[in-house]
PDB file of N, CA and C in Angstrom:
ATOM      1  N   UNK A   1     -19.685   4.785 -25.825  1.00  0.00           N
ATOM      2  CA  UNK A   1     -19.870   3.456 -25.279  1.00  0.00           C
ATOM      3  C   UNK A   1     -18.944   3.278 -24.077  1.00  0.00           C
ATOM      4  N   UNK A   2     -19.500   2.906 -22.944  1.00  0.00           N
ATOM      5  CA  UNK A   2     -18.683   2.734 -21.753  1.00  0.00           C
ATOM      6  C   UNK A   2     -18.054   1.348 -21.725  1.00  0.00           C
ATOM      7  N   UNK A   3     -16.906   1.293 -21.084  1.00  0.00           N
ATOM      8  CA  UNK A   3     -16.178   0.037 -20.980  1.00  0.00           C
ATOM      9  C   UNK A   3     -16.467  -0.609 -19.642  1.00  0.00           C
ATOM     10  N   UNK A   4     -16.479  -1.930 -19.622  1.00  0.00           N
ATOM     11  CA  UNK A   4     -16.617  -2.658 -18.363  1.00  0.00           C
ATOM     12  C   UNK A   4     -15.219  -2.865 -17.799  1.00  0.00           C
ATOM     13  N   UNK A   5     -14.989  -2.336 -16.607  1.00  0.00           N
ATOM     14  CA  UNK A   5     -13.694  -2.448 -15.942  1.00  0.00           C
ATOM     15  C   UNK A   5     -13.887  -3.325 -14.719  1.00  0.00           C
ATOM     16  N   UNK A   6     -13.076  -4.365 -14.635  1.00  0.00           N
ATOM     17  CA  UNK A   6     -13.244  -5.364 -13.584  1.00  0.00           C
ATOM     18  C   UNK A   6     -11.877  -5.755 -13.030  1.00  0.00           C
ATOM     19  N   UNK A   7     -11.822  -6.001 -11.722  1.00  0.00           N
ATOM     20  CA  UNK A   7     -10.618  -6.502 -11.075  1.00  0.00           C
ATOM     21  C   UNK A   7     -10.909  -7.908 -10.580  1.00  0.00           C
ATOM     22  N   UNK A   8     -10.013  -8.845 -10.882  1.00  0.00           N
ATOM     23  CA  UNK A   8     -10.182 -10.222 -10.428  1.00  0.00           C
ATOM     24  C   UNK A   8      -8.904 -10.713  -9.759  1.00  0.00           C
ATOM     25  N   UNK A   9      -9.080 -11.633  -8.834  1.00  0.00           N
ATOM     26  CA  UNK A   9      -7.948 -12.332  -8.217  1.00  0.00           C
ATOM     27  C   UNK A   9      -8.146 -13.815  -8.514  1.00  0.00           C
ATOM     28  N   UNK A  10      -7.087 -14.437  -9.013  1.00  0.00           N
ATOM     29  CA  UNK A  10      -7.181 -15.816  -9.490  1.00  0.00           C
ATOM     30  C   UNK A  10      -6.165 -16.675  -8.747  1.00  0.00           C
ATOM     31  N   UNK A  11      -6.578 -17.901  -8.387  1.00  0.00           N
ATOM     32  CA  UNK A  11      -5.663 -18.801  -7.685  1.00  0.00           C
ATOM     33  C   UNK A  11      -4.819 -19.608  -8.668  1.00  0.00           C
ATOM     34  N   UNK A  12      -3.948 -20.452  -8.131  1.00  0.00           N
ATOM     35  CA  UNK A  12      -3.007 -21.222  -8.956  1.00  0.00           C
ATOM     36  C   UNK A  12      -3.701 -22.171  -9.931  1.00  0.00           C
ATOM     37  N   UNK A  13      -4.911 -22.556  -9.609  1.00  0.00           N
ATOM     38  CA  UNK A  13      -5.636 -23.503 -10.456  1.00  0.00           C
ATOM     39  C   UNK A  13      -6.576 -22.805 -11.444  1.00  0.00           C
ATOM     40  N   UNK A  14      -6.540 -21.475 -11.458  1.00  0.00           N
ATOM     41  CA  UNK A  14      -7.335 -20.727 -12.419  1.00  0.00           C
ATOM     42  C   UNK A  14      -8.719 -20.325 -11.947  1.00  0.00           C
ATOM     43  N   UNK A  15      -9.032 -20.572 -10.669  1.00  0.00           N
ATOM     44  CA  UNK A  15     -10.343 -20.194 -10.138  1.00  0.00           C
ATOM     45  C   UNK A  15     -10.331 -18.734  -9.694  1.00  0.00           C
ATOM     46  N   UNK A  16     -11.422 -18.051  -9.946  1.00  0.00           N
ATOM     47  CA  UNK A  16     -11.565 -16.674  -9.502  1.00  0.00           C
ATOM     48  C   UNK A  16     -11.950 -16.674  -8.029  1.00  0.00           C
ATOM     49  N   UNK A  17     -11.102 -16.040  -7.217  1.00  0.00           N
ATOM     50  CA  UNK A  17     -11.355 -15.955  -5.780  1.00  0.00           C
ATOM     51  C   UNK A  17     -12.041 -14.650  -5.401  1.00  0.00           C
ATOM     52  N   UNK A  18     -11.949 -13.674  -6.284  1.00  0.00           N
ATOM     53  CA  UNK A  18     -12.487 -12.342  -5.995  1.00  0.00           C
ATOM     54  C   UNK A  18     -12.715 -11.642  -7.317  1.00  0.00           C
ATOM     55  N   UNK A  19     -13.806 -10.913  -7.417  1.00  0.00           N
ATOM     56  CA  UNK A  19     -13.953  -9.995  -8.535  1.00  0.00           C
ATOM     57  C   UNK A  19     -14.792  -8.803  -8.120  1.00  0.00           C
ATOM     58  N   UNK A  20     -14.515  -7.695  -8.762  1.00  0.00           N
ATOM     59  CA  UNK A  20     -15.181  -6.439  -8.448  1.00  0.00           C
ATOM     60  C   UNK A  20     -15.268  -5.637  -9.740  1.00  0.00           C
ATOM     61  N   UNK A  21     -16.468  -5.263 -10.113  1.00  0.00           N
ATOM     62  CA  UNK A  21     -16.634  -4.477 -11.336  1.00  0.00           C
ATOM     63  C   UNK A  21     -17.206  -3.094 -11.043  1.00  0.00           C
ATOM     64  N   UNK A  22     -16.912  -2.591  -9.853  1.00  0.00           N
ATOM     65  CA  UNK A  22     -17.445  -1.311  -9.412  1.00  0.00           C
ATOM     66  C   UNK A  22     -16.460  -0.168  -9.677  1.00  0.00           C
ATOM     67  N   UNK A  23     -15.942  -0.092 -10.899  1.00  0.00           N
ATOM     68  CA  UNK A  23     -14.962   0.934 -11.253  1.00  0.00           C
ATOM     69  C   UNK A  23     -15.422   1.689 -12.484  1.00  0.00           C
ATOM     70  N   UNK A  24     -15.208   2.993 -12.460  1.00  0.00           N
ATOM     71  CA  UNK A  24     -15.559   3.836 -13.597  1.00  0.00           C
ATOM     72  C   UNK A  24     -14.376   4.040 -14.538  1.00  0.00           C
ATOM     73  N   UNK A  25     -13.144   3.980 -13.978  1.00  0.00           N
ATOM     74  CA  UNK A  25     -11.950   4.222 -14.785  1.00  0.00           C
ATOM     75  C   UNK A  25     -10.876   3.179 -14.474  1.00  0.00           C
ATOM     76  N   UNK A  26      -9.950   3.024 -15.399  1.00  0.00           N
ATOM     77  CA  UNK A  26      -8.813   2.130 -15.180  1.00  0.00           C
ATOM     78  C   UNK A  26      -7.950   2.671 -14.045  1.00  0.00           C
ATOM     79  N   UNK A  27      -7.797   3.973 -13.982  1.00  0.00           N
ATOM     80  CA  UNK A  27      -7.009   4.604 -12.917  1.00  0.00           C
ATOM     81  C   UNK A  27      -7.569   4.248 -11.547  1.00  0.00           C
ATOM     82  N   UNK A  28      -8.874   4.282 -11.413  1.00  0.00           N
ATOM     83  CA  UNK A  28      -9.538   3.924 -10.155  1.00  0.00           C
ATOM     84  C   UNK A  28      -9.288   2.447  -9.815  1.00  0.00           C
ATOM     85  N   UNK A  29      -9.367   1.581 -10.806  1.00  0.00           N
ATOM     86  CA  UNK A  29      -9.125   0.150 -10.584  1.00  0.00           C
ATOM     87  C   UNK A  29      -7.673  -0.101 -10.175  1.00  0.00           C
ATOM     88  N   UNK A  30      -6.722   0.568 -10.830  1.00  0.00           N
ATOM     89  CA  UNK A  30      -5.306   0.412 -10.476  1.00  0.00           C
ATOM     90  C   UNK A  30      -5.048   0.869  -9.048  1.00  0.00           C
ATOM     91  N   UNK A  31      -5.650   1.963  -8.662  1.00  0.00           N
ATOM     92  CA  UNK A  31      -5.476   2.462  -7.292  1.00  0.00           C
ATOM     93  C   UNK A  31      -6.007   1.446  -6.288  1.00  0.00           C
ATOM     94  N   UNK A  32      -7.139   0.819  -6.574  1.00  0.00           N
ATOM     95  CA  UNK A  32      -7.719  -0.202  -5.705  1.00  0.00           C
ATOM     96  C   UNK A  32      -6.762  -1.387  -5.554  1.00  0.00           C
ATOM     97  N   UNK A  33      -6.184  -1.821  -6.656  1.00  0.00           N
ATOM     98  CA  UNK A  33      -5.234  -2.936  -6.600  1.00  0.00           C
ATOM     99  C   UNK A  33      -4.033  -2.553  -5.747  1.00  0.00           C
ATOM    100  N   UNK A  34      -3.429  -1.415  -6.043  1.00  0.00           N
ATOM    101  CA  UNK A  34      -2.203  -1.008  -5.345  1.00  0.00           C
ATOM    102  C   UNK A  34      -2.442  -0.711  -3.868  1.00  0.00           C
ATOM    103  N   UNK A  35      -3.548  -0.057  -3.550  1.00  0.00           N
ATOM    104  CA  UNK A  35      -3.810   0.351  -2.170  1.00  0.00           C
ATOM    105  C   UNK A  35      -4.419  -0.747  -1.315  1.00  0.00           C
ATOM    106  N   UNK A  36      -5.150  -1.668  -1.924  1.00  0.00           N
ATOM    107  CA  UNK A  36      -5.896  -2.665  -1.151  1.00  0.00           C
ATOM    108  C   UNK A  36      -5.474  -4.096  -1.473  1.00  0.00           C
ATOM    109  N   UNK A  37      -5.571  -4.484  -2.721  1.00  0.00           N
ATOM    110  CA  UNK A  37      -5.409  -5.898  -3.058  1.00  0.00           C
ATOM    111  C   UNK A  37      -3.973  -6.406  -2.999  1.00  0.00           C
ATOM    112  N   UNK A  38      -2.989  -5.523  -3.057  1.00  0.00           N
ATOM    113  CA  UNK A  38      -1.615  -5.974  -2.918  1.00  0.00           C
ATOM    114  C   UNK A  38      -1.170  -6.004  -1.456  1.00  0.00           C
ATOM    115  N   UNK A  39      -2.120  -5.786  -0.554  1.00  0.00           N
ATOM    116  CA  UNK A  39      -1.863  -5.853   0.886  1.00  0.00           C
ATOM    117  C   UNK A  39      -2.298  -7.217   1.410  1.00  0.00           C
ATOM    118  N   UNK A  40      -1.349  -8.005   1.842  1.00  0.00           N
ATOM    119  CA  UNK A  40      -1.638  -9.342   2.368  1.00  0.00           C
ATOM    120  C   UNK A  40      -2.687  -9.288   3.490  1.00  0.00           C
ATOM    121  N   UNK A  41      -2.597  -8.299   4.330  1.00  0.00           N
ATOM    122  CA  UNK A  41      -3.529  -8.166   5.452  1.00  0.00           C
ATOM    123  C   UNK A  41      -4.980  -8.080   5.010  1.00  0.00           C
ATOM    124  N   UNK A  42      -5.241  -7.437   3.875  1.00  0.00           N
ATOM    125  CA  UNK A  42      -6.613  -7.348   3.370  1.00  0.00           C
ATOM    126  C   UNK A  42      -7.179  -8.740   3.134  1.00  0.00           C
ATOM    127  N   UNK A  43      -6.401  -9.580   2.454  1.00  0.00           N
ATOM    128  CA  UNK A  43      -6.868 -10.931   2.137  1.00  0.00           C
ATOM    129  C   UNK A  43      -7.034 -11.782   3.391  1.00  0.00           C
ATOM    130  N   UNK A  44      -6.089 -11.655   4.308  1.00  0.00           N
ATOM    131  CA  UNK A  44      -6.165 -12.442   5.533  1.00  0.00           C
ATOM    132  C   UNK A  44      -7.389 -12.038   6.368  1.00  0.00           C
ATOM    133  N   UNK A  45      -7.688 -10.740   6.406  1.00  0.00           N
ATOM    134  CA  UNK A  45      -8.888 -10.287   7.131  1.00  0.00           C
ATOM    135  C   UNK A  45     -10.160 -10.736   6.408  1.00  0.00           C
ATOM    136  N   UNK A  46     -10.147 -10.662   5.085  1.00  0.00           N
ATOM    137  CA  UNK A  46     -11.319 -11.050   4.302  1.00  0.00           C
ATOM    138  C   UNK A  46     -11.662 -12.522   4.520  1.00  0.00           C
ATOM    139  N   UNK A  47     -10.649 -13.373   4.528  1.00  0.00           N
ATOM    140  CA  UNK A  47     -10.861 -14.813   4.655  1.00  0.00           C
ATOM    141  C   UNK A  47     -10.784 -15.291   6.110  1.00  0.00           C
ATOM    142  N   UNK A  48     -10.364 -14.380   7.005  1.00  0.00           N
ATOM    143  CA  UNK A  48     -10.216 -14.703   8.422  1.00  0.00           C
ATOM    144  C   UNK A  48      -9.237 -15.848   8.660  1.00  0.00           C
ATOM    145  N   UNK A  49      -8.171 -15.887   7.876  1.00  0.00           N
ATOM    146  CA  UNK A  49      -7.065 -16.805   8.166  1.00  0.00           C
ATOM    147  C   UNK A  49      -5.771 -16.187   7.650  1.00  0.00           C
ATOM    148  N   UNK A  50      -4.651 -16.699   8.102  1.00  0.00           N
ATOM    149  CA  UNK A  50      -3.364 -16.092   7.793  1.00  0.00           C
ATOM    150  C   UNK A  50      -2.679 -16.673   6.570  1.00  0.00           C
ATOM    151  N   UNK A  51      -3.374 -17.510   5.819  1.00  0.00           N
ATOM    152  CA  UNK A  51      -2.727 -18.111   4.652  1.00  0.00           C
ATOM    153  C   UNK A  51      -3.481 -17.869   3.343  1.00  0.00           C
ATOM    154  N   UNK A  52      -4.633 -17.249   3.401  1.00  0.00           N
ATOM    155  CA  UNK A  52      -5.442 -17.065   2.204  1.00  0.00           C
ATOM    156  C   UNK A  52      -4.708 -16.267   1.129  1.00  0.00           C
ATOM    157  N   UNK A  53      -3.963 -15.254   1.527  1.00  0.00           N
ATOM    158  CA  UNK A  53      -3.270 -14.405   0.551  1.00  0.00           C
ATOM    159  C   UNK A  53      -2.337 -15.225  -0.329  1.00  0.00           C
ATOM    160  N   UNK A  54      -1.787 -16.281   0.211  1.00  0.00           N
ATOM    161  CA  UNK A  54      -0.848 -17.088  -0.555  1.00  0.00           C
ATOM    162  C   UNK A  54      -1.524 -17.938  -1.627  1.00  0.00           C
ATOM    163  N   UNK A  55      -2.835 -18.039  -1.592  1.00  0.00           N
ATOM    164  CA  UNK A  55      -3.576 -18.767  -2.622  1.00  0.00           C
ATOM    165  C   UNK A  55      -3.696 -17.958  -3.906  1.00  0.00           C
ATOM    166  N   UNK A  56      -3.486 -16.648  -3.827  1.00  0.00           N
ATOM    167  CA  UNK A  56      -3.681 -15.777  -4.978  1.00  0.00           C
ATOM    168  C   UNK A  56      -2.457 -15.821  -5.876  1.00  0.00           C
ATOM    169  N   UNK A  57      -2.661 -16.241  -7.090  1.00  0.00           N
ATOM    170  CA  UNK A  57      -1.585 -16.330  -8.075  1.00  0.00           C
ATOM    171  C   UNK A  57      -1.418 -15.019  -8.833  1.00  0.00           C
ATOM    172  N   UNK A  58      -2.537 -14.420  -9.212  1.00  0.00           N
ATOM    173  CA  UNK A  58      -2.487 -13.188 -10.001  1.00  0.00           C
ATOM    174  C   UNK A  58      -3.708 -12.317  -9.715  1.00  0.00           C
ATOM    175  N   UNK A  59      -3.498 -11.024  -9.841  1.00  0.00           N
ATOM    176  CA  UNK A  59      -4.578 -10.039  -9.756  1.00  0.00           C
ATOM    177  C   UNK A  59      -4.591  -9.322 -11.099  1.00  0.00           C
ATOM    178  N   UNK A  60      -5.759  -9.266 -11.717  1.00  0.00           N
ATOM    179  CA  UNK A  60      -5.852  -8.694 -13.063  1.00  0.00           C
ATOM    180  C   UNK A  60      -6.891  -7.587 -13.127  1.00  0.00           C
ATOM    181  N   UNK A  61      -6.604  -6.605 -13.965  1.00  0.00           N
ATOM    182  CA  UNK A  61      -7.622  -5.637 -14.366  1.00  0.00           C
ATOM    183  C   UNK A  61      -8.050  -6.037 -15.762  1.00  0.00           C
ATOM    184  N   UNK A  62      -9.344  -6.222 -15.923  1.00  0.00           N
ATOM    185  CA  UNK A  62      -9.912  -6.572 -17.222  1.00  0.00           C
ATOM    186  C   UNK A  62     -10.727  -5.395 -17.747  1.00  0.00           C
ATOM    187  N   UNK A  63     -10.564  -5.116 -19.017  1.00  0.00           N
ATOM    188  CA  UNK A  63     -11.372  -4.098 -19.677  1.00  0.00           C
ATOM    189  C   UNK A  63     -12.111  -4.806 -20.797  1.00  0.00           C
ATOM    190  N   UNK A  64     -13.436  -4.809 -20.693  1.00  0.00           N
ATOM    191  CA  UNK A  64     -14.279  -5.532 -21.650  1.00  0.00           C
ATOM    192  C   UNK A  64     -13.806  -6.979 -21.812  1.00  0.00           C
ATOM    193  N   UNK A  65     -13.524  -7.612 -20.664  1.00  0.00           N
ATOM    194  CA  UNK A  65     -13.137  -9.034 -20.581  1.00  0.00           C
ATOM    195  C   UNK A  65     -11.744  -9.345 -21.137  1.00  0.00           C
ATOM    196  N   UNK A  66     -10.942  -8.339 -21.449  1.00  0.00           N
ATOM    197  CA  UNK A  66      -9.567  -8.562 -21.916  1.00  0.00           C
ATOM    198  C   UNK A  66      -8.600  -8.035 -20.861  1.00  0.00           C
ATOM    199  N   UNK A  67      -7.504  -8.757 -20.644  1.00  0.00           N
ATOM    200  CA  UNK A  67      -6.536  -8.365 -19.625  1.00  0.00           C
ATOM    201  C   UNK A  67      -5.873  -7.049 -20.009  1.00  0.00           C
ATOM    202  N   UNK A  68      -5.952  -6.098 -19.094  1.00  0.00           N
ATOM    203  CA  UNK A  68      -5.301  -4.800 -19.265  1.00  0.00           C
ATOM    204  C   UNK A  68      -4.014  -4.748 -18.447  1.00  0.00           C
ATOM    205  N   UNK A  69      -4.051  -5.242 -17.207  1.00  0.00           N
ATOM    206  CA  UNK A  69      -2.902  -5.245 -16.304  1.00  0.00           C
ATOM    207  C   UNK A  69      -2.916  -6.525 -15.497  1.00  0.00           C
ATOM    208  N   UNK A  70      -1.730  -6.951 -15.093  1.00  0.00           N
ATOM    209  CA  UNK A  70      -1.585  -8.209 -14.363  1.00  0.00           C
ATOM    210  C   UNK A  70      -0.534  -8.029 -13.277  1.00  0.00           C
ATOM    211  N   UNK A  71      -0.862  -8.420 -12.046  1.00  0.00           N
ATOM    212  CA  UNK A  71       0.080  -8.372 -10.933  1.00  0.00           C
ATOM    213  C   UNK A  71       0.251  -9.772 -10.383  1.00  0.00           C
ATOM    214  N   UNK A  72       1.471 -10.095  -9.987  1.00  0.00           N
ATOM    215  CA  UNK A  72       1.766 -11.378  -9.354  1.00  0.00           C
ATOM    216  C   UNK A  72       2.268 -11.069  -7.952  1.00  0.00           C
ATOM    217  N   UNK A  73       1.342 -11.008  -7.003  1.00  0.00           N
ATOM    218  CA  UNK A  73       1.727 -10.562  -5.665  1.00  0.00           C
ATOM    219  C   UNK A  73       2.699 -11.521  -4.987  1.00  0.00           C
ATOM    220  N   UNK A  74       3.657 -10.941  -4.291  1.00  0.00           N
ATOM    221  CA  UNK A  74       4.588 -11.712  -3.473  1.00  0.00           C
ATOM    222  C   UNK A  74       4.422 -11.225  -2.052  1.00  0.00           C
ATOM    223  N   UNK A  75       4.016 -12.107  -1.172  1.00  0.00           N
ATOM    224  CA  UNK A  75       3.780 -11.745   0.206  1.00  0.00           C
ATOM    225  C   UNK A  75       4.874 -12.328   1.077  1.00  0.00           C
ATOM    226  N   UNK A  76       5.278 -11.580   2.079  1.00  0.00           N
ATOM    227  CA  UNK A  76       6.236 -12.101   3.041  1.00  0.00           C
ATOM    228  C   UNK A  76       5.522 -13.074   3.965  1.00  0.00           C
ATOM    229  N   UNK A  77       6.201 -14.123   4.358  1.00  0.00           N
ATOM    230  CA  UNK A  77       5.580 -15.062   5.275  1.00  0.00           C
ATOM    231  C   UNK A  77       5.573 -14.462   6.679  1.00  0.00           C
ATOM    232  N   UNK A  78       4.562 -14.831   7.428  1.00  0.00           N
ATOM    233  CA  UNK A  78       4.419 -14.320   8.787  1.00  0.00           C
ATOM    234  C   UNK A  78       5.225 -15.216   9.731  1.00  0.00           C
ATOM    235  N   UNK A  79       6.037 -14.594  10.534  1.00  0.00           N
ATOM    236  CA  UNK A  79       6.832 -15.361  11.503  1.00  0.00           C
ATOM    237  C   UNK A  79       5.922 -15.920  12.588  1.00  0.00           C
ATOM    238  N   UNK A  80       6.186 -17.166  12.956  1.00  0.00           N
ATOM    239  CA  UNK A  80       5.347 -17.801  13.976  1.00  0.00           C
ATOM    240  C   UNK A  80       5.753 -17.366  15.358  1.00  0.00           C
TER     241      UNK A  80
END
């Protein structure tokens, strides 16, 4: 039986801002989080503004709808 592996990004109010279930393994999902989703620039480019990344409270890997891993990204502010 295969497991459903999903990555989600959630804002401070509990809304899902992003989800992706295109992963075959937990290792693949973790690599995606570390290489892409923990990069502030990815979020800013995705939303086309310089403050979107700060809306993200947590990034989670879910396996069969249960939390497997949780990250609380801390982004440096951009100097004006």
